[in-house]
Protein backbone atom coordinates (compact mmCIF):
# COMPACT_ATOMS: atom_id res chain seq x y z
CA MET A 1 13.20 -13.92 12.84
CA SER A 2 16.44 -12.55 11.48
CA THR A 3 19.47 -12.42 13.75
CA GLU A 4 21.21 -9.58 11.95
CA GLU A 5 21.10 -6.07 13.34
CA HIS A 6 19.05 -3.37 11.67
CA THR A 7 18.59 0.31 12.32
CA HIS A 8 15.24 1.69 13.34
CA PRO A 9 13.23 3.02 10.41
CA PRO A 10 12.49 6.76 10.25
CA TYR A 11 8.94 6.40 11.54
CA MET A 12 8.10 10.11 11.49
CA LYS A 13 9.21 10.50 7.85
CA ILE A 14 7.14 7.48 6.86
CA TRP A 15 4.17 8.86 8.81
CA GLY A 16 4.53 12.18 6.99
CA LEU A 17 4.65 10.40 3.66
CA LEU A 18 1.52 8.40 4.56
CA ALA A 19 -0.25 11.60 5.62
CA ALA A 20 0.68 13.24 2.28
CA MET A 21 -0.63 10.19 0.41
CA MET A 22 -3.89 10.45 2.32
CA GLY A 23 -4.17 14.12 1.39
CA LEU A 24 -3.47 13.23 -2.25
CA LYS A 25 -6.24 10.61 -2.15
CA VAL A 26 -8.67 13.24 -0.85
CA LEU A 27 -7.64 15.63 -3.63
CA VAL A 28 -8.15 12.97 -6.26
CA GLY A 29 -11.53 12.08 -4.72
CA VAL A 30 -12.85 15.65 -4.92
CA SER A 31 -11.28 16.49 -8.28
CA SER A 32 -13.18 16.40 -11.55
CA LEU A 33 -10.99 13.71 -13.13
CA PRO A 34 -12.71 11.07 -15.24
CA LYS A 35 -13.83 8.16 -13.09
CA PRO A 36 -11.44 5.49 -14.53
CA ILE A 37 -8.41 7.75 -14.10
CA ALA A 38 -9.43 8.71 -10.56
CA VAL A 39 -9.93 5.07 -9.61
CA ALA A 40 -6.59 4.07 -11.10
CA LEU A 41 -4.81 6.84 -9.19
CA LEU A 42 -6.54 5.91 -5.95
CA ILE A 43 -5.57 2.24 -6.36
CA ILE A 44 -1.94 3.13 -7.06
CA ILE A 45 -1.74 5.47 -4.06
CA SER A 46 -3.48 2.92 -1.80
CA PHE A 47 -1.13 0.12 -2.81
CA SER A 48 1.87 2.37 -2.26
CA SER A 49 0.72 3.31 1.24
CA ALA A 50 -0.07 -0.34 2.04
CA ILE A 51 3.43 -1.34 0.98
CA LEU A 52 4.97 1.35 3.17
CA VAL A 53 2.93 0.20 6.17
CA ALA A 54 3.84 -3.43 5.56
CA LEU A 55 7.53 -2.72 5.10
CA TYR A 56 8.12 -0.39 8.01
CA TYR A 57 5.32 -0.64 10.61
CA MET A 58 4.90 -4.42 10.23
CA HIS A 59 8.72 -4.76 9.96
CA LEU A 60 8.56 -6.99 6.86
CA ARG A 61 11.59 -5.25 5.46
CA PHE A 62 13.73 -7.01 8.06
CA GLU A 63 12.09 -10.44 7.97
CA THR A 64 12.93 -13.66 6.17
CA LYS A 65 11.67 -14.58 2.70
CA LYS A 66 9.25 -17.16 4.12
CA LEU A 67 7.36 -14.47 5.96
CA TRP A 68 7.31 -12.37 2.81
CA LEU A 69 5.63 -15.25 0.99
CA LEU A 70 2.99 -15.45 3.69
CA ALA A 71 2.36 -11.70 3.40
CA LEU A 72 1.94 -11.93 -0.39
CA VAL A 73 -0.83 -14.55 -0.24
CA PRO A 74 -3.74 -12.03 -0.10
CA PHE A 75 -2.68 -10.18 -3.28
CA PRO A 76 -4.29 -12.61 -5.75
CA LEU A 77 -7.51 -12.28 -3.75
CA ILE A 78 -7.28 -8.51 -3.96
CA ALA A 79 -6.80 -8.78 -7.75
CA ILE A 80 -9.95 -10.96 -7.99
CA LEU A 81 -11.90 -8.43 -5.98
CA ILE A 82 -10.72 -5.52 -8.13
CA LEU A 83 -11.54 -7.34 -11.37
CA THR A 84 -15.01 -8.17 -9.99
CA VAL A 85 -15.69 -4.55 -9.08
CA ILE A 86 -14.44 -3.33 -12.46
CA GLN A 87 -16.84 -5.67 -14.24
CA GLU A 88 -19.76 -4.10 -12.38
CA TRP A 89 -19.17 -0.73 -14.09
């Protein structure tokens, strides 16, 4: 754990941004966009919200690089899952 001081993140602003992202995902889901474009937008929005949650609510922004490495381990597995699902189309 880091010994340097840090200010508290603006939790309500981040919560508002996450709520707006959720609303955007709903709008993309009910829109008449072509399926590949809708899926790409949903993946981008989902990754963005996951990064916000990890950085601020899981406090990774203030942690050491070793903990960052541990948090990045699942991403290759996510990529494998996404590629497998895309091949099923």
